[in-house]
C-alpha cells in the first residue's frame, strides 16, 4: 500500500515540474523553440521504445510469477532491466553530446536548465527502478519455486510503470511540442 503514496507523491512532484516547464515555455517561446532544435529527437524516441518495451517485459514477469514459472519470470525481468539499462546508457550519451556542444546546466538558458533538471530527475527514477527490480530478482531467486510470492515484484513493477508513464509525458513535452 505504501508504494501508492510514493507513486502519488512522485507523480505530483513531476506535475509541478511539468507545469513550471509549460509556464516558462509560454513566456520564452522563441528561446525554447530554438533550444529544442539541439535535442536528438531520435534518441528520445528510442528511449521511449526502450522504456515501453521494458515495462511490457516487467509486466510479463509479473504474469510469469503468478503462473509459478520462476525461470520465465527472471528472463522477462532481465529483459526489462536490459531495456532500462539501455535507456540509461543512451541518456548518458545524450548528456555527453550536449556537454561536447558546450551546453550544460546553469548557462543562462532556461530551456536547458529545465531539460537537465527534468530528464536528470527522471533518470534518477529509472536508476531507482532498476535497483528495485534487481533486488526483486535476487529475492525471487531465494524463494521456493513451489511457493513464489510476487508481492515485491508487483510493487517494483508499479513504480517502474510510473517511471514509464512520466517519460511518456516528458518526451513529447520537452522533445516534440513546438
N, C-alpha and C. Protein backbone atom coordinates (compact mmCIF):
# COMPACT_ATOMS: atom_id res chain seq x y z
N UNK A 1 0.82 -1.20 0.00
CA UNK A 1 0.00 0.00 0.00
C UNK A 1 0.86 1.26 0.00
N UNK A 2 2.00 1.21 0.68
CA UNK A 2 2.87 2.39 0.78
C UNK A 2 3.35 2.85 -0.58
N UNK A 3 3.53 1.91 -1.52
CA UNK A 3 4.02 2.28 -2.85
C UNK A 3 3.09 3.28 -3.52
N UNK A 4 1.79 3.18 -3.25
CA UNK A 4 0.85 4.10 -3.89
C UNK A 4 1.03 5.52 -3.38
N UNK A 5 1.45 5.69 -2.13
CA UNK A 5 1.77 7.03 -1.63
C UNK A 5 3.00 7.58 -2.32
N UNK A 6 3.98 6.72 -2.51
CA UNK A 6 5.20 7.14 -3.22
C UNK A 6 4.87 7.52 -4.65
N UNK A 7 4.08 6.69 -5.32
CA UNK A 7 3.70 6.97 -6.71
C UNK A 7 2.92 8.28 -6.79
N UNK A 8 1.99 8.50 -5.88
CA UNK A 8 1.22 9.74 -5.86
C UNK A 8 2.13 10.95 -5.62
N UNK A 9 3.04 10.84 -4.67
CA UNK A 9 3.96 11.94 -4.38
C UNK A 9 4.87 12.23 -5.57
N UNK A 10 5.43 11.19 -6.16
CA UNK A 10 6.31 11.38 -7.31
C UNK A 10 5.54 11.95 -8.50
N UNK A 11 4.34 11.44 -8.73
CA UNK A 11 3.50 11.97 -9.81
C UNK A 11 3.19 13.44 -9.60
N UNK A 12 2.85 13.80 -8.38
CA UNK A 12 2.55 15.21 -8.07
C UNK A 12 3.79 16.08 -8.25
N UNK A 13 4.94 15.59 -7.82
CA UNK A 13 6.18 16.35 -7.98
C UNK A 13 6.47 16.62 -9.45
N UNK A 14 6.34 15.59 -10.27
CA UNK A 14 6.58 15.77 -11.70
C UNK A 14 5.53 16.68 -12.32
N UNK A 15 4.29 16.61 -11.86
CA UNK A 15 3.25 17.51 -12.38
C UNK A 15 3.62 18.97 -12.12
N UNK A 16 4.14 19.26 -10.95
CA UNK A 16 4.58 20.62 -10.64
C UNK A 16 5.72 21.02 -11.59
N UNK A 17 6.68 20.13 -11.78
CA UNK A 17 7.79 20.42 -12.69
C UNK A 17 7.30 20.60 -14.13
N UNK A 18 6.39 19.75 -14.58
CA UNK A 18 5.84 19.88 -15.92
C UNK A 18 5.09 21.21 -16.07
N UNK A 19 4.35 21.58 -15.04
CA UNK A 19 3.64 22.85 -15.07
C UNK A 19 4.59 24.03 -15.13
N UNK A 20 5.65 23.98 -14.34
CA UNK A 20 6.65 25.06 -14.37
C UNK A 20 7.30 25.14 -15.75
N UNK A 21 7.58 24.00 -16.35
CA UNK A 21 8.15 23.97 -17.70
C UNK A 21 7.19 24.64 -18.68
N UNK A 22 5.93 24.23 -18.66
CA UNK A 22 4.93 24.76 -19.60
C UNK A 22 4.75 26.26 -19.41
N UNK A 23 4.69 26.72 -18.16
CA UNK A 23 4.53 28.15 -17.87
C UNK A 23 5.74 28.93 -18.40
N UNK A 24 6.92 28.44 -18.11
CA UNK A 24 8.14 29.13 -18.55
C UNK A 24 8.27 29.08 -20.06
N UNK A 25 7.91 27.97 -20.67
CA UNK A 25 7.96 27.85 -22.13
C UNK A 25 7.05 28.89 -22.77
N UNK A 26 5.85 29.06 -22.23
CA UNK A 26 4.91 30.04 -22.79
C UNK A 26 5.47 31.46 -22.72
N UNK A 27 6.27 31.75 -21.72
CA UNK A 27 6.85 33.10 -21.55
C UNK A 27 8.12 33.30 -22.36
N UNK A 28 8.77 32.19 -22.78
CA UNK A 28 10.04 32.27 -23.51
C UNK A 28 9.99 31.34 -24.73
N UNK A 29 8.93 31.47 -25.51
CA UNK A 29 8.67 30.52 -26.60
C UNK A 29 9.80 30.48 -27.63
N UNK A 30 10.32 31.62 -28.02
CA UNK A 30 11.40 31.64 -29.03
C UNK A 30 12.64 30.92 -28.53
N UNK A 31 13.04 31.18 -27.30
CA UNK A 31 14.20 30.53 -26.72
C UNK A 31 13.99 29.02 -26.65
N UNK A 32 12.83 28.59 -26.20
CA UNK A 32 12.54 27.16 -26.06
C UNK A 32 12.54 26.48 -27.42
N UNK A 33 11.89 27.11 -28.41
CA UNK A 33 11.85 26.50 -29.75
C UNK A 33 13.24 26.43 -30.37
N UNK A 34 14.04 27.46 -30.22
CA UNK A 34 15.40 27.46 -30.78
C UNK A 34 16.28 26.43 -30.06
N UNK A 35 16.17 26.36 -28.74
CA UNK A 35 17.00 25.43 -27.96
C UNK A 35 16.61 23.99 -28.22
N UNK A 36 15.33 23.77 -28.41
CA UNK A 36 14.81 22.43 -28.64
C UNK A 36 15.42 21.80 -29.90
N UNK A 37 15.83 22.63 -30.83
CA UNK A 37 16.44 22.13 -32.07
C UNK A 37 17.75 21.39 -31.81
N UNK A 38 18.35 21.60 -30.64
CA UNK A 38 19.61 20.95 -30.29
C UNK A 38 19.40 19.56 -29.66
N UNK A 39 18.14 19.17 -29.45
CA UNK A 39 17.87 17.86 -28.88
C UNK A 39 17.85 16.81 -29.99
N UNK A 40 18.21 15.60 -29.62
CA UNK A 40 18.20 14.47 -30.55
C UNK A 40 16.86 13.76 -30.43
N UNK A 41 15.95 14.09 -31.35
CA UNK A 41 14.61 13.51 -31.31
C UNK A 41 14.66 11.99 -31.47
N UNK A 42 15.60 11.51 -32.27
CA UNK A 42 15.73 10.05 -32.45
C UNK A 42 16.11 9.37 -31.14
N UNK A 43 17.03 9.96 -30.39
CA UNK A 43 17.43 9.38 -29.10
C UNK A 43 16.23 9.36 -28.15
N UNK A 44 15.45 10.43 -28.14
CA UNK A 44 14.27 10.46 -27.29
C UNK A 44 13.25 9.40 -27.69
N UNK A 45 13.08 9.20 -29.00
CA UNK A 45 12.13 8.19 -29.48
C UNK A 45 12.63 6.79 -29.15
N UNK A 46 13.93 6.55 -29.32
CA UNK A 46 14.49 5.24 -28.97
C UNK A 46 14.33 4.99 -27.48
N UNK A 47 14.58 6.00 -26.67
CA UNK A 47 14.40 5.84 -25.22
C UNK A 47 12.95 5.53 -24.88
N UNK A 48 12.03 6.14 -25.61
CA UNK A 48 10.61 5.84 -25.40
C UNK A 48 10.34 4.37 -25.69
N UNK A 49 10.86 3.89 -26.81
CA UNK A 49 10.67 2.48 -27.18
C UNK A 49 11.32 1.56 -26.14
N UNK A 50 12.50 1.93 -25.66
CA UNK A 50 13.18 1.12 -24.65
C UNK A 50 12.35 1.01 -23.38
N UNK A 51 11.81 2.14 -22.91
CA UNK A 51 11.03 2.10 -21.67
C UNK A 51 9.70 1.37 -21.85
N UNK A 52 9.04 1.58 -22.98
CA UNK A 52 7.78 0.87 -23.21
C UNK A 52 8.01 -0.64 -23.28
N UNK A 53 9.08 -1.03 -23.98
CA UNK A 53 9.40 -2.45 -24.07
C UNK A 53 9.78 -3.01 -22.70
N UNK A 54 10.56 -2.25 -21.94
CA UNK A 54 10.95 -2.68 -20.60
C UNK A 54 9.72 -2.86 -19.71
N UNK A 55 8.78 -1.95 -19.79
CA UNK A 55 7.57 -2.08 -18.98
C UNK A 55 6.76 -3.31 -19.38
N UNK A 56 6.70 -3.57 -20.66
CA UNK A 56 5.99 -4.76 -21.13
C UNK A 56 6.66 -6.02 -20.58
N UNK A 57 7.99 -6.04 -20.61
CA UNK A 57 8.73 -7.19 -20.09
C UNK A 57 8.50 -7.37 -18.59
N UNK A 58 8.50 -6.27 -17.84
CA UNK A 58 8.25 -6.35 -16.40
C UNK A 58 6.84 -6.87 -16.13
N UNK A 59 5.88 -6.43 -16.93
CA UNK A 59 4.51 -6.93 -16.78
C UNK A 59 4.46 -8.44 -17.07
N UNK A 60 5.20 -8.88 -18.07
CA UNK A 60 5.27 -10.31 -18.39
C UNK A 60 5.89 -11.08 -17.22
N UNK A 61 6.88 -10.48 -16.55
CA UNK A 61 7.49 -11.12 -15.38
C UNK A 61 6.47 -11.32 -14.27
N UNK A 62 5.63 -10.31 -14.06
CA UNK A 62 4.57 -10.42 -13.04
C UNK A 62 3.65 -11.59 -13.37
N UNK A 63 3.23 -11.68 -14.63
CA UNK A 63 2.35 -12.79 -15.02
C UNK A 63 3.05 -14.14 -14.85
N UNK A 64 4.34 -14.19 -15.16
CA UNK A 64 5.08 -15.45 -15.03
C UNK A 64 5.16 -15.89 -13.56
N UNK A 65 5.37 -14.94 -12.65
CA UNK A 65 5.39 -15.29 -11.22
C UNK A 65 4.02 -15.80 -10.80
N UNK A 66 2.98 -15.15 -11.27
CA UNK A 66 1.63 -15.61 -10.93
C UNK A 66 1.38 -17.03 -11.44
N UNK A 67 2.00 -17.35 -12.59
CA UNK A 67 1.87 -18.70 -13.15
C UNK A 67 2.81 -19.70 -12.48
N UNK A 68 3.71 -19.19 -11.62
CA UNK A 68 4.62 -20.06 -10.91
C UNK A 68 5.84 -20.48 -11.72
N UNK A 69 6.17 -19.74 -12.77
CA UNK A 69 7.32 -20.09 -13.61
C UNK A 69 8.46 -19.11 -13.33
N UNK A 70 9.28 -19.47 -12.37
CA UNK A 70 10.36 -18.59 -11.92
C UNK A 70 11.36 -18.27 -13.02
N UNK A 71 11.81 -19.27 -13.76
CA UNK A 71 12.80 -19.04 -14.81
C UNK A 71 12.29 -18.05 -15.85
N UNK A 72 11.04 -18.22 -16.24
CA UNK A 72 10.44 -17.30 -17.21
C UNK A 72 10.34 -15.91 -16.62
N UNK A 73 9.93 -15.81 -15.37
CA UNK A 73 9.82 -14.51 -14.70
C UNK A 73 11.17 -13.81 -14.67
N UNK A 74 12.20 -14.54 -14.30
CA UNK A 74 13.54 -13.93 -14.24
C UNK A 74 14.03 -13.51 -15.62
N UNK A 75 13.69 -14.29 -16.64
CA UNK A 75 14.04 -13.91 -18.01
C UNK A 75 13.38 -12.61 -18.43
N UNK A 76 12.08 -12.50 -18.17
CA UNK A 76 11.36 -11.27 -18.50
C UNK A 76 11.88 -10.10 -17.68
N UNK A 77 12.16 -10.35 -16.42
CA UNK A 77 12.68 -9.29 -15.56
C UNK A 77 14.05 -8.82 -16.07
N UNK A 78 14.89 -9.76 -16.46
CA UNK A 78 16.19 -9.40 -17.02
C UNK A 78 16.06 -8.60 -18.30
N UNK A 79 15.11 -8.98 -19.15
CA UNK A 79 14.88 -8.24 -20.40
C UNK A 79 14.39 -6.83 -20.09
N UNK A 80 13.50 -6.71 -19.11
CA UNK A 80 13.02 -5.38 -18.71
C UNK A 80 14.14 -4.51 -18.18
N UNK A 81 14.99 -5.12 -17.37
CA UNK A 81 16.12 -4.37 -16.82
C UNK A 81 17.10 -3.98 -17.93
N UNK A 82 17.26 -4.84 -18.92
CA UNK A 82 18.15 -4.51 -20.05
C UNK A 82 17.62 -3.28 -20.79
N UNK A 83 16.31 -3.20 -20.95
CA UNK A 83 15.72 -2.01 -21.57
C UNK A 83 15.99 -0.76 -20.74
N UNK A 84 15.90 -0.89 -19.43
CA UNK A 84 16.19 0.24 -18.55
C UNK A 84 17.65 0.66 -18.62
N UNK A 85 18.54 -0.32 -18.67
CA UNK A 85 19.97 -0.02 -18.78
C UNK A 85 20.25 0.66 -20.13
N UNK A 86 19.58 0.17 -21.19
CA UNK A 86 19.73 0.82 -22.49
C UNK A 86 19.30 2.28 -22.44
N UNK A 87 18.20 2.55 -21.74
CA UNK A 87 17.74 3.93 -21.56
C UNK A 87 18.82 4.77 -20.88
N UNK A 88 19.37 4.24 -19.79
CA UNK A 88 20.39 4.97 -19.03
C UNK A 88 21.60 5.27 -19.91
N UNK A 89 22.08 4.28 -20.63
CA UNK A 89 23.26 4.47 -21.47
C UNK A 89 23.02 5.50 -22.57
N UNK A 90 21.85 5.43 -23.19
CA UNK A 90 21.54 6.40 -24.25
C UNK A 90 21.38 7.80 -23.68
N UNK A 91 20.79 7.91 -22.50
CA UNK A 91 20.62 9.23 -21.87
C UNK A 91 21.99 9.81 -21.50
N UNK A 92 22.89 8.98 -20.99
CA UNK A 92 24.23 9.46 -20.66
C UNK A 92 24.96 9.92 -21.92
N UNK A 93 24.80 9.16 -23.01
CA UNK A 93 25.41 9.58 -24.28
C UNK A 93 24.82 10.92 -24.73
N UNK A 94 23.53 11.06 -24.58
CA UNK A 94 22.87 12.31 -24.97
C UNK A 94 23.40 13.48 -24.14
N UNK A 95 23.57 13.27 -22.84
CA UNK A 95 24.15 14.32 -21.99
C UNK A 95 25.57 14.64 -22.44
N UNK A 96 26.35 13.62 -22.73
CA UNK A 96 27.72 13.83 -23.20
C UNK A 96 27.76 14.65 -24.48
N UNK A 97 26.84 14.35 -25.40
CA UNK A 97 26.76 15.13 -26.64
C UNK A 97 26.45 16.59 -26.35
N UNK A 98 25.56 16.84 -25.40
CA UNK A 98 25.22 18.23 -25.04
C UNK A 98 26.44 18.92 -24.44
N UNK A 99 27.15 18.24 -23.56
CA UNK A 99 28.34 18.84 -22.95
C UNK A 99 29.41 19.12 -23.99
N UNK A 100 29.54 18.21 -24.98
CA UNK A 100 30.51 18.42 -26.06
C UNK A 100 30.14 19.65 -26.90
N UNK A 101 28.85 19.97 -26.97
CA UNK A 101 28.39 21.15 -27.71
C UNK A 101 28.49 22.42 -26.85
N UNK A 102 28.97 22.27 -25.62
CA UNK A 102 29.06 23.41 -24.73
C UNK A 102 27.76 23.75 -24.04
N UNK A 103 26.83 22.80 -24.05
CA UNK A 103 25.51 23.01 -23.43
C UNK A 103 25.50 22.32 -22.08
N UNK A 104 25.14 23.06 -21.05
CA UNK A 104 25.08 22.47 -19.72
C UNK A 104 24.03 23.16 -18.87
N UNK A 105 23.99 22.79 -17.64
CA UNK A 105 23.04 23.35 -16.68
C UNK A 105 23.59 24.67 -16.16
N UNK A 106 22.72 25.65 -16.00
CA UNK A 106 23.12 26.93 -15.40
C UNK A 106 23.91 27.83 -16.32
N UNK A 107 23.60 27.80 -17.61
CA UNK A 107 24.31 28.65 -18.57
C UNK A 107 23.38 29.70 -19.16
N UNK A 108 22.49 30.22 -18.36
CA UNK A 108 21.55 31.26 -18.79
C UNK A 108 20.67 30.82 -19.96
N UNK A 109 20.26 29.55 -19.95
CA UNK A 109 19.32 29.06 -20.94
C UNK A 109 18.26 28.27 -20.17
N UNK A 110 17.10 28.88 -20.00
CA UNK A 110 16.05 28.25 -19.21
C UNK A 110 15.61 26.91 -19.78
N UNK A 111 15.59 26.79 -21.10
CA UNK A 111 15.18 25.52 -21.69
C UNK A 111 16.11 24.40 -21.23
N UNK A 112 17.42 24.62 -21.35
CA UNK A 112 18.34 23.55 -20.98
C UNK A 112 18.42 23.34 -19.47
N UNK A 113 18.15 24.38 -18.70
CA UNK A 113 18.03 24.16 -17.26
C UNK A 113 16.89 23.17 -16.98
N UNK A 114 15.74 23.42 -17.61
CA UNK A 114 14.61 22.51 -17.43
C UNK A 114 14.92 21.13 -18.02
N UNK A 115 15.55 21.10 -19.18
CA UNK A 115 15.88 19.83 -19.82
C UNK A 115 16.71 18.95 -18.87
N UNK A 116 17.78 19.52 -18.33
CA UNK A 116 18.65 18.72 -17.46
C UNK A 116 17.98 18.37 -16.14
N UNK A 117 17.19 19.29 -15.59
CA UNK A 117 16.51 19.00 -14.33
C UNK A 117 15.44 17.92 -14.53
N UNK A 118 14.60 18.08 -15.54
CA UNK A 118 13.52 17.11 -15.76
C UNK A 118 14.06 15.74 -16.15
N UNK A 119 14.95 15.72 -17.14
CA UNK A 119 15.45 14.42 -17.60
C UNK A 119 16.40 13.81 -16.56
N UNK A 120 17.13 14.63 -15.85
CA UNK A 120 18.02 14.12 -14.80
C UNK A 120 17.24 13.53 -13.64
N UNK A 121 16.18 14.22 -13.23
CA UNK A 121 15.32 13.70 -12.16
C UNK A 121 14.67 12.39 -12.60
N UNK A 122 14.23 12.35 -13.85
CA UNK A 122 13.65 11.13 -14.38
C UNK A 122 14.70 10.02 -14.42
N UNK A 123 15.91 10.34 -14.83
CA UNK A 123 16.98 9.36 -14.89
C UNK A 123 17.24 8.76 -13.50
N UNK A 124 17.19 9.58 -12.48
CA UNK A 124 17.36 9.07 -11.11
C UNK A 124 16.25 8.07 -10.78
N UNK A 125 15.06 8.33 -11.26
CA UNK A 125 13.94 7.41 -11.02
C UNK A 125 14.14 6.10 -11.79
N UNK A 126 14.69 6.20 -13.00
CA UNK A 126 14.99 4.97 -13.75
C UNK A 126 16.01 4.14 -12.97
N UNK A 127 17.05 4.80 -12.46
CA UNK A 127 18.07 4.09 -11.69
C UNK A 127 17.47 3.46 -10.43
N UNK A 128 16.58 4.19 -9.74
CA UNK A 128 15.92 3.64 -8.56
C UNK A 128 15.05 2.44 -8.95
N UNK A 129 14.37 2.55 -10.08
CA UNK A 129 13.56 1.43 -10.56
C UNK A 129 14.39 0.22 -10.90
N UNK A 130 15.55 0.44 -11.53
CA UNK A 130 16.45 -0.67 -11.85
C UNK A 130 16.95 -1.34 -10.58
N UNK A 131 17.29 -0.53 -9.59
CA UNK A 131 17.73 -1.09 -8.30
C UNK A 131 16.62 -1.94 -7.69
N UNK A 132 15.40 -1.42 -7.70
CA UNK A 132 14.27 -2.17 -7.13
C UNK A 132 14.05 -3.47 -7.88
N UNK A 133 14.09 -3.41 -9.21
CA UNK A 133 13.90 -4.64 -10.00
C UNK A 133 15.02 -5.64 -9.73
N UNK A 134 16.24 -5.15 -9.60
CA UNK A 134 17.36 -6.04 -9.29
C UNK A 134 17.22 -6.70 -7.94
N UNK A 135 16.82 -5.94 -6.95
CA UNK A 135 16.61 -6.51 -5.61
C UNK A 135 15.48 -7.54 -5.63
N UNK A 136 14.43 -7.24 -6.39
CA UNK A 136 13.32 -8.18 -6.51
C UNK A 136 13.79 -9.48 -7.18
N UNK A 137 14.62 -9.35 -8.20
CA UNK A 137 15.13 -10.55 -8.89
C UNK A 137 15.91 -11.43 -7.92
N UNK A 138 16.75 -10.82 -7.09
CA UNK A 138 17.51 -11.57 -6.09
C UNK A 138 16.55 -12.23 -5.11
N UNK A 139 15.55 -11.49 -4.67
CA UNK A 139 14.56 -12.04 -3.75
C UNK A 139 13.80 -13.22 -4.36
N UNK A 140 13.45 -13.10 -5.63
CA UNK A 140 12.74 -14.20 -6.29
C UNK A 140 13.61 -15.45 -6.37
N UNK A 141 14.91 -15.26 -6.63
CA UNK A 141 15.81 -16.41 -6.73
C UNK A 141 15.95 -17.14 -5.39
N UNK A 142 15.69 -16.45 -4.31
CA UNK A 142 15.81 -17.05 -2.97
C UNK A 142 14.53 -17.74 -2.52
N UNK A 143 13.45 -17.55 -3.27
CA UNK A 143 12.17 -18.16 -2.89
C UNK A 143 12.10 -19.61 -3.34
N UNK A 144 11.26 -20.36 -2.64
CA UNK A 144 10.99 -21.73 -3.07
C UNK A 144 10.17 -21.67 -4.36
N UNK A 145 10.53 -22.49 -5.30
CA UNK A 145 9.86 -22.49 -6.61
C UNK A 145 8.38 -22.88 -6.52
N UNK A 146 8.04 -23.64 -5.51
CA UNK A 146 6.64 -24.09 -5.40
C UNK A 146 5.78 -23.13 -4.59
N UNK A 147 6.38 -22.03 -4.12
CA UNK A 147 5.62 -21.06 -3.31
C UNK A 147 6.09 -19.63 -3.62
N UNK A 148 6.05 -19.27 -4.89
CA UNK A 148 6.50 -17.93 -5.28
C UNK A 148 5.54 -16.86 -4.76
N UNK A 149 6.12 -15.80 -4.23
CA UNK A 149 5.34 -14.65 -3.77
C UNK A 149 5.73 -13.47 -4.64
N UNK A 150 4.78 -12.94 -5.39
CA UNK A 150 5.06 -11.87 -6.33
C UNK A 150 4.77 -10.48 -5.82
N UNK A 151 4.49 -10.33 -4.52
CA UNK A 151 4.12 -9.01 -4.00
C UNK A 151 5.23 -7.98 -4.23
N UNK A 152 6.46 -8.32 -3.94
CA UNK A 152 7.56 -7.38 -4.12
C UNK A 152 7.72 -7.02 -5.60
N UNK A 153 7.57 -8.00 -6.48
CA UNK A 153 7.67 -7.74 -7.92
C UNK A 153 6.56 -6.81 -8.37
N UNK A 154 5.35 -7.05 -7.89
CA UNK A 154 4.23 -6.18 -8.27
C UNK A 154 4.44 -4.76 -7.78
N UNK A 155 5.02 -4.61 -6.61
CA UNK A 155 5.31 -3.29 -6.06
C UNK A 155 6.36 -2.58 -6.91
N UNK A 156 7.45 -3.28 -7.22
CA UNK A 156 8.50 -2.70 -8.05
C UNK A 156 7.97 -2.39 -9.45
N UNK A 157 7.12 -3.27 -9.97
CA UNK A 157 6.54 -3.06 -11.29
C UNK A 157 5.67 -1.81 -11.31
N UNK A 158 4.91 -1.57 -10.25
CA UNK A 158 4.07 -0.36 -10.18
C UNK A 158 4.94 0.89 -10.25
N UNK A 159 6.05 0.90 -9.53
CA UNK A 159 6.97 2.04 -9.59
C UNK A 159 7.57 2.16 -10.98
N UNK A 160 7.97 1.03 -11.57
CA UNK A 160 8.57 1.04 -12.90
C UNK A 160 7.59 1.61 -13.93
N UNK A 161 6.33 1.25 -13.81
CA UNK A 161 5.33 1.76 -14.75
C UNK A 161 5.12 3.27 -14.55
N UNK A 162 5.26 3.75 -13.33
CA UNK A 162 5.21 5.20 -13.10
C UNK A 162 6.34 5.88 -13.85
N UNK A 163 7.53 5.32 -13.76
CA UNK A 163 8.69 5.89 -14.44
C UNK A 163 8.42 5.94 -15.95
N UNK A 164 7.84 4.89 -16.48
CA UNK A 164 7.48 4.82 -17.89
C UNK A 164 6.45 5.90 -18.23
N UNK A 165 5.42 6.00 -17.43
CA UNK A 165 4.37 6.99 -17.65
C UNK A 165 4.93 8.42 -17.63
N UNK A 166 5.82 8.69 -16.68
CA UNK A 166 6.42 10.03 -16.61
C UNK A 166 7.19 10.35 -17.87
N UNK A 167 7.92 9.37 -18.41
CA UNK A 167 8.65 9.61 -19.66
C UNK A 167 7.68 9.86 -20.81
N UNK A 168 6.52 9.19 -20.80
CA UNK A 168 5.54 9.38 -21.87
C UNK A 168 4.95 10.79 -21.86
N UNK A 169 5.06 11.48 -20.75
CA UNK A 169 4.69 12.90 -20.69
C UNK A 169 5.91 13.76 -21.00
N UNK A 170 7.04 13.40 -20.42
CA UNK A 170 8.26 14.19 -20.56
C UNK A 170 8.74 14.25 -22.01
N UNK A 171 8.75 13.13 -22.71
CA UNK A 171 9.27 13.10 -24.07
C UNK A 171 8.55 14.08 -24.99
N UNK A 172 7.22 14.01 -25.12
CA UNK A 172 6.58 14.98 -26.02
C UNK A 172 6.69 16.42 -25.51
N UNK A 173 6.61 16.60 -24.21
CA UNK A 173 6.66 17.93 -23.64
C UNK A 173 8.00 18.61 -23.94
N UNK A 174 9.10 17.91 -23.76
CA UNK A 174 10.43 18.50 -23.91
C UNK A 174 10.97 18.36 -25.34
N UNK A 175 10.77 17.22 -25.95
CA UNK A 175 11.39 16.94 -27.25
C UNK A 175 10.53 17.31 -28.45
N UNK A 176 9.21 17.15 -28.35
CA UNK A 176 8.37 17.17 -29.54
C UNK A 176 7.57 18.46 -29.70
N UNK A 177 6.90 18.89 -28.65
CA UNK A 177 5.99 20.05 -28.75
C UNK A 177 6.72 21.29 -29.23
N UNK A 178 6.16 21.94 -30.21
CA UNK A 178 6.75 23.17 -30.73
C UNK A 178 5.77 24.30 -30.59
